[in-house]
Structures are given as structure tokens and as C-alpha cells.
N, C-alpha and C. Protein backbone atom coordinates (compact mmCIF):
# COMPACT_ATOMS: atom_id res chain seq x y z
N UNK A 1 13.31 -2.07 16.89
CA UNK A 1 13.43 -2.17 15.42
C UNK A 1 12.66 -1.05 14.85
N UNK A 2 13.33 -0.30 14.07
CA UNK A 2 12.66 0.93 13.33
C UNK A 2 11.99 0.42 12.09
N UNK A 3 11.17 1.18 11.48
CA UNK A 3 10.48 1.02 10.25
C UNK A 3 11.17 0.43 9.25
N UNK A 4 12.46 1.04 8.78
CA UNK A 4 13.17 0.79 7.77
C UNK A 4 13.73 -0.63 7.96
N UNK A 5 14.17 -0.89 9.26
CA UNK A 5 14.41 -2.42 9.62
C UNK A 5 13.52 -3.41 9.22
N UNK A 6 12.20 -3.02 9.60
CA UNK A 6 11.06 -3.96 9.37
C UNK A 6 11.04 -4.10 7.72
N UNK A 7 11.01 -3.00 7.25
CA UNK A 7 10.77 -2.87 5.75
C UNK A 7 11.67 -3.61 4.92
N UNK A 8 12.97 -3.66 5.28
CA UNK A 8 14.08 -4.32 4.70
C UNK A 8 13.96 -5.77 4.99
N UNK A 9 13.59 -6.28 6.31
CA UNK A 9 13.41 -7.68 6.64
C UNK A 9 12.15 -8.14 5.70
N UNK A 10 11.09 -7.56 5.64
CA UNK A 10 9.84 -8.01 5.01
C UNK A 10 10.23 -8.10 3.62
N UNK A 11 10.95 -7.07 2.87
CA UNK A 11 11.33 -7.27 1.56
C UNK A 11 12.21 -8.60 1.23
N UNK A 12 13.04 -8.60 2.17
CA UNK A 12 13.94 -9.73 2.11
C UNK A 12 13.14 -11.32 2.30
N UNK A 13 12.24 -11.27 3.20
CA UNK A 13 11.46 -12.28 3.48
C UNK A 13 10.72 -12.75 2.15
N UNK A 14 10.03 -11.84 1.55
CA UNK A 14 9.25 -12.05 0.34
C UNK A 14 9.98 -12.58 -0.80
N UNK A 15 11.32 -11.83 -0.78
CA UNK A 15 12.00 -11.98 -2.08
C UNK A 15 12.58 -13.55 -1.94
N UNK A 16 12.72 -13.90 -0.67
CA UNK A 16 13.09 -15.31 -0.54
C UNK A 16 12.10 -16.50 -0.57
N UNK A 17 11.02 -16.00 -0.10
CA UNK A 17 9.85 -17.17 0.10
C UNK A 17 8.69 -16.94 -0.92
N UNK A 18 8.46 -15.59 -1.25
CA UNK A 18 6.95 -15.36 -1.92
C UNK A 18 7.25 -14.59 -3.27
N UNK A 19 7.91 -15.31 -4.18
CA UNK A 19 8.14 -14.73 -5.47
C UNK A 19 7.00 -15.01 -6.41
N UNK A 20 6.37 -14.15 -7.05
CA UNK A 20 5.09 -14.48 -8.01
C UNK A 20 3.95 -14.41 -7.23
N UNK A 21 2.87 -14.16 -7.88
CA UNK A 21 1.36 -13.99 -7.16
C UNK A 21 0.98 -15.22 -6.72
N UNK A 22 1.54 -16.33 -7.42
CA UNK A 22 0.89 -17.83 -7.14
C UNK A 22 1.62 -18.06 -5.67
N UNK A 23 2.69 -17.42 -5.30
CA UNK A 23 3.25 -17.78 -4.05
C UNK A 23 3.00 -16.76 -2.96
N UNK A 24 1.95 -15.95 -3.03
CA UNK A 24 1.65 -14.91 -2.33
C UNK A 24 1.36 -15.52 -0.77
N UNK A 25 1.59 -14.46 0.22
CA UNK A 25 1.20 -14.84 1.67
C UNK A 25 0.14 -13.86 2.19
N UNK A 26 -0.74 -14.37 2.89
CA UNK A 26 -1.89 -13.62 3.26
C UNK A 26 -1.24 -12.45 4.34
N UNK A 27 -1.90 -11.09 4.47
CA UNK A 27 -1.41 -10.07 5.12
C UNK A 27 -1.24 -10.66 6.77
N UNK A 28 -2.37 -11.26 7.20
CA UNK A 28 -2.35 -11.84 8.53
C UNK A 28 -1.16 -12.64 8.95
N UNK A 29 -0.80 -13.66 8.00
CA UNK A 29 0.37 -14.44 8.17
C UNK A 29 1.63 -13.65 8.21
N UNK A 30 1.90 -12.85 7.28
CA UNK A 30 3.06 -12.13 7.28
C UNK A 30 3.07 -11.14 8.38
N UNK A 31 2.14 -10.40 8.68
CA UNK A 31 2.20 -9.62 9.97
C UNK A 31 2.67 -10.49 11.11
N UNK A 32 1.84 -11.60 11.32
CA UNK A 32 2.41 -12.30 12.51
C UNK A 32 3.71 -12.88 12.35
N UNK A 33 4.26 -13.10 11.06
CA UNK A 33 5.68 -13.65 11.08
C UNK A 33 6.51 -12.60 11.81
N UNK A 34 6.03 -11.25 11.66
CA UNK A 34 7.09 -9.96 12.22
C UNK A 34 6.55 -9.43 13.41
N UNK A 35 5.47 -10.13 13.92
CA UNK A 35 4.75 -9.68 15.35
C UNK A 35 4.52 -8.09 15.12
N UNK A 36 3.73 -7.83 13.99
CA UNK A 36 3.12 -6.48 13.74
C UNK A 36 1.86 -6.55 13.23
N UNK A 37 0.97 -5.52 13.40
CA UNK A 37 -0.38 -5.49 12.94
C UNK A 37 -0.39 -5.49 11.55
N UNK A 38 -1.52 -5.80 10.87
CA UNK A 38 -1.82 -5.74 9.42
C UNK A 38 -1.88 -4.36 9.02
N UNK A 39 -2.19 -3.40 9.87
CA UNK A 39 -2.16 -1.96 9.71
C UNK A 39 -0.87 -1.51 9.41
N UNK A 40 0.03 -2.07 10.29
CA UNK A 40 1.42 -1.59 10.27
C UNK A 40 2.11 -2.20 8.99
N UNK A 41 1.89 -3.34 8.63
CA UNK A 41 2.17 -3.93 7.50
C UNK A 41 1.82 -3.18 6.15
N UNK A 42 0.66 -2.62 5.95
CA UNK A 42 0.33 -1.88 4.93
C UNK A 42 1.11 -0.45 4.76
N UNK A 43 1.33 0.11 6.00
CA UNK A 43 2.18 1.18 6.05
C UNK A 43 3.56 0.93 5.61
N UNK A 44 4.04 -0.11 6.06
CA UNK A 44 5.54 -0.66 5.64
C UNK A 44 5.56 -1.01 4.08
N UNK A 45 4.62 -1.47 3.63
CA UNK A 45 4.42 -1.75 2.28
C UNK A 45 4.85 -0.63 1.42
N UNK A 46 4.06 0.59 1.84
CA UNK A 46 4.27 1.80 1.05
C UNK A 46 5.73 2.38 1.25
N UNK A 47 6.30 2.20 2.34
CA UNK A 47 7.71 2.53 2.65
C UNK A 47 8.52 1.71 1.71
N UNK A 48 8.39 0.27 1.64
CA UNK A 48 9.18 -0.60 0.73
C UNK A 48 8.89 -0.22 -0.62
N UNK A 49 7.86 0.11 -1.05
CA UNK A 49 7.61 0.27 -2.49
C UNK A 49 8.24 1.72 -2.91
N UNK A 50 8.04 2.71 -2.12
CA UNK A 50 8.41 4.04 -2.29
C UNK A 50 10.01 4.30 -2.15
N UNK A 51 10.62 3.58 -1.39
CA UNK A 51 12.00 3.77 -0.92
C UNK A 51 13.00 2.54 -1.03
N UNK A 52 12.38 1.40 -1.28
CA UNK A 52 13.40 0.19 -1.03
C UNK A 52 13.29 -0.61 -2.32
N UNK A 53 12.06 -0.97 -2.70
CA UNK A 53 11.85 -2.09 -3.67
C UNK A 53 10.37 -2.10 -4.24
N UNK A 54 10.17 -1.45 -5.35
CA UNK A 54 8.80 -1.55 -5.73
C UNK A 54 8.27 -2.83 -6.14
N UNK A 55 9.15 -3.92 -6.17
CA UNK A 55 8.55 -5.14 -6.58
C UNK A 55 7.85 -5.84 -5.51
N UNK A 56 7.81 -5.15 -4.19
CA UNK A 56 7.19 -5.67 -3.35
C UNK A 56 5.51 -5.05 -3.35
N UNK A 57 4.56 -5.92 -3.08
CA UNK A 57 3.32 -5.50 -3.21
C UNK A 57 2.20 -6.40 -2.67
N UNK A 58 0.97 -6.16 -2.96
CA UNK A 58 -0.12 -7.22 -2.54
C UNK A 58 -1.06 -7.08 -3.61
N UNK A 59 -1.97 -8.11 -3.63
CA UNK A 59 -2.89 -8.17 -4.74
C UNK A 59 -4.15 -8.99 -4.25
N UNK A 60 -4.77 -8.29 -3.31
CA UNK A 60 -6.10 -8.96 -3.02
C UNK A 60 -6.07 -10.32 -2.50
N UNK A 61 -6.64 -11.17 -3.02
CA UNK A 61 -6.60 -12.80 -2.67
C UNK A 61 -5.18 -13.40 -2.76
N UNK A 62 -4.35 -12.78 -3.64
CA UNK A 62 -3.02 -13.43 -3.73
C UNK A 62 -2.31 -13.10 -2.42
N UNK A 63 -2.55 -12.16 -2.04
CA UNK A 63 -1.57 -11.70 -0.56
C UNK A 63 -0.51 -10.77 -1.16
N UNK A 64 0.49 -10.98 -0.18
CA UNK A 64 1.80 -10.19 -0.36
C UNK A 64 2.77 -11.01 -1.24
N UNK A 65 3.45 -10.29 -2.09
CA UNK A 65 4.68 -11.26 -2.71
C UNK A 65 5.52 -10.21 -3.40
N UNK A 66 6.60 -10.78 -3.74
CA UNK A 66 7.69 -10.08 -4.71
C UNK A 66 7.32 -10.25 -5.93
N UNK A 67 7.23 -9.19 -6.90
CA UNK A 67 6.78 -9.52 -8.18
C UNK A 67 7.96 -10.19 -9.11
N UNK A 68 7.25 -11.01 -9.90
CA UNK A 68 8.14 -11.88 -10.70
C UNK A 68 8.30 -11.35 -12.09
N UNK A 69 7.64 -10.54 -12.43
CA UNK A 69 7.48 -10.16 -13.93
C UNK A 69 6.80 -8.71 -14.10
N UNK A 70 6.89 -8.09 -15.32
CA UNK A 70 6.31 -6.79 -15.49
C UNK A 70 4.80 -6.73 -15.22
N UNK A 71 4.14 -7.91 -15.76
CA UNK A 71 2.64 -7.92 -15.60
C UNK A 71 2.34 -7.82 -14.16
N UNK A 72 3.08 -8.44 -13.13
CA UNK A 72 2.70 -8.34 -11.74
C UNK A 72 2.95 -6.95 -11.27
N UNK A 73 4.17 -6.42 -11.77
CA UNK A 73 4.28 -4.80 -11.40
C UNK A 73 3.19 -3.98 -11.92
N UNK A 74 2.71 -4.27 -13.04
CA UNK A 74 1.57 -3.34 -13.68
C UNK A 74 0.25 -3.56 -12.70
N UNK A 75 0.13 -4.87 -12.22
CA UNK A 75 -1.03 -5.16 -11.41
C UNK A 75 -0.93 -4.36 -10.32
N UNK A 76 0.20 -4.14 -9.63
CA UNK A 76 0.43 -3.42 -8.32
C UNK A 76 -0.05 -1.98 -8.75
N UNK A 77 0.49 -1.45 -9.76
CA UNK A 77 0.35 -0.07 -10.29
C UNK A 77 -1.16 0.21 -10.57
N UNK A 78 -1.87 -0.70 -11.10
CA UNK A 78 -3.12 -0.54 -11.49
C UNK A 78 -4.12 -0.76 -10.28
N UNK A 79 -3.69 -1.41 -9.26
CA UNK A 79 -4.51 -1.32 -8.06
C UNK A 79 -4.49 0.13 -7.41
N UNK A 80 -3.39 0.70 -7.29
CA UNK A 80 -3.20 2.03 -6.78
C UNK A 80 -4.01 2.95 -7.85
N UNK A 81 -3.98 2.73 -9.03
CA UNK A 81 -4.71 3.73 -10.04
C UNK A 81 -6.12 3.68 -9.70
N UNK A 82 -6.59 2.34 -9.43
CA UNK A 82 -8.08 2.24 -9.07
C UNK A 82 -8.53 2.85 -7.96
N UNK A 83 -7.52 2.94 -6.93
CA UNK A 83 -7.98 3.53 -5.47
C UNK A 83 -8.15 4.92 -5.79
N UNK A 84 -7.08 5.62 -6.51
CA UNK A 84 -7.10 6.92 -6.74
C UNK A 84 -8.42 7.28 -7.41
N UNK A 85 -8.77 6.69 -8.44
CA UNK A 85 -10.17 7.02 -9.01
C UNK A 85 -11.27 6.90 -8.05
N UNK A 86 -11.31 5.85 -7.03
CA UNK A 86 -12.40 5.87 -6.10
C UNK A 86 -12.38 7.20 -5.23
N UNK A 87 -11.15 7.57 -5.01
CA UNK A 87 -11.03 8.72 -4.01
C UNK A 87 -11.23 10.04 -4.74
N UNK A 88 -11.24 10.17 -5.98
CA UNK A 88 -11.52 11.37 -6.67
C UNK A 88 -12.79 12.06 -6.46
N UNK A 89 -13.97 11.56 -6.34
CA UNK A 89 -15.12 12.22 -5.90
C UNK A 89 -15.18 12.82 -4.51
N UNK A 90 -14.39 12.05 -3.55
CA UNK A 90 -14.14 12.70 -2.36
C UNK A 90 -13.40 13.79 -2.03
N UNK A 91 -12.19 13.86 -2.88
CA UNK A 91 -11.43 14.87 -3.06
C UNK A 91 -12.21 16.02 -3.64
N UNK A 92 -13.12 16.07 -4.69
CA UNK A 92 -13.78 17.09 -5.18
C UNK A 92 -14.79 17.45 -4.16
N UNK A 93 -15.28 16.74 -3.39
CA UNK A 93 -16.12 17.31 -2.28
C UNK A 93 -15.46 18.13 -1.31
N UNK A 94 -14.25 17.71 -0.87
CA UNK A 94 -13.46 18.48 0.01
C UNK A 94 -13.12 19.86 -0.65
N UNK A 95 -12.79 19.87 -1.97
CA UNK A 95 -12.43 21.09 -2.67
C UNK A 95 -13.58 22.07 -2.69
N UNK A 96 -14.80 21.54 -2.74
CA UNK A 96 -16.08 22.39 -2.93
C UNK A 96 -16.15 22.78 -1.36
N UNK A 97 -15.95 21.92 -0.47
CA UNK A 97 -16.39 22.45 0.96
C UNK A 97 -15.21 23.63 1.41
N UNK A 98 -13.99 23.49 1.03
CA UNK A 98 -12.92 24.60 1.23
C UNK A 98 -13.30 25.61 0.77
N UNK A 99 -13.61 25.60 -0.64
CA UNK A 99 -14.17 26.89 -1.21
C UNK A 99 -15.21 27.55 -0.67
N UNK A 100 -16.42 26.64 -0.27
CA UNK A 100 -17.46 27.47 0.43
C UNK A 100 -17.08 27.98 1.77
N UNK A 101 -16.19 27.20 2.45
CA UNK A 101 -15.99 27.66 3.75
C UNK A 101 -15.12 28.95 3.74
N UNK A 102 -14.15 29.10 2.67
CA UNK A 102 -13.28 29.99 2.52
C UNK A 102 -14.21 31.45 2.11
N UNK A 103 -15.41 31.31 1.43
CA UNK A 103 -16.25 32.39 1.08
C UNK A 103 -17.34 32.71 2.18
N UNK A 104 -17.32 32.00 3.31
CA UNK A 104 -18.26 32.34 4.34
C UNK A 104 -17.78 33.64 4.94
N UNK A 105 -18.66 34.52 5.43
CA UNK A 105 -18.39 35.60 6.11
C UNK A 105 -19.06 35.49 7.54
N UNK A 106 -18.31 36.01 8.68
CA UNK A 106 -18.97 35.91 9.93
C UNK A 106 -19.84 36.93 9.99
N UNK A 107 -21.06 36.51 10.39
CA UNK A 107 -22.22 37.37 10.77
C UNK A 107 -22.48 37.53 12.09
N UNK A 108 -22.49 38.65 12.70
CA UNK A 108 -22.64 38.78 14.16
C UNK A 108 -23.86 39.49 14.47
């Protein structure tokens, strides 16, 4: 089974069994249901959200679920927005390092 097959099956499973954050399923249980790792599950969640159905997501303690309303979709979005902000200083540090590296001259 390829990644898209898994992605559609996971979306369909959540849509049938886990609608709304109060009905979320923990990552380890969902991964075990499909005999995949939680790391693979996280990767598939991005494929699902970006290409299949953005109503699939996860929210910490609530686990994975199919969003029931706009507030739950906003929660998914805000989770990613928060992560982007956390990575901003690291990105800035890489930019500085790239600039410094580019300005280095080989001394023989």
C-alpha cells in the first residue's frame, strides 16, 4: 500500500470514528490500527491535510480527529502557526551562518 492509500484510509477511518476533538484517538493507537509508526503517521497527516482533506489533524492530548467545526480547524492552524514561530530563531541562525560562510575566504 502506498502513502496515498494509507492517507485516504486514515482520513476515512477518522471521519467515520473520530469526529470532533472530544472523540480523538491517540497517535499510538491510530498508528497501530494501520500497522505503521507514529512517525509515519505524522508524515501522512501532512499529506492528508495538504492534498486530501484539511479537516484531519491532531491536537496534543485530544489526539487525531476529523474536525467537526471551524474552531477545530482554527486550532489545527494555530498549532502550525505556533510551531513556525518556534522555528523562526533557528531559521535566522541558519541565515546568519550561510551569510558568514559565503563571505569566508580560503586562506592558504
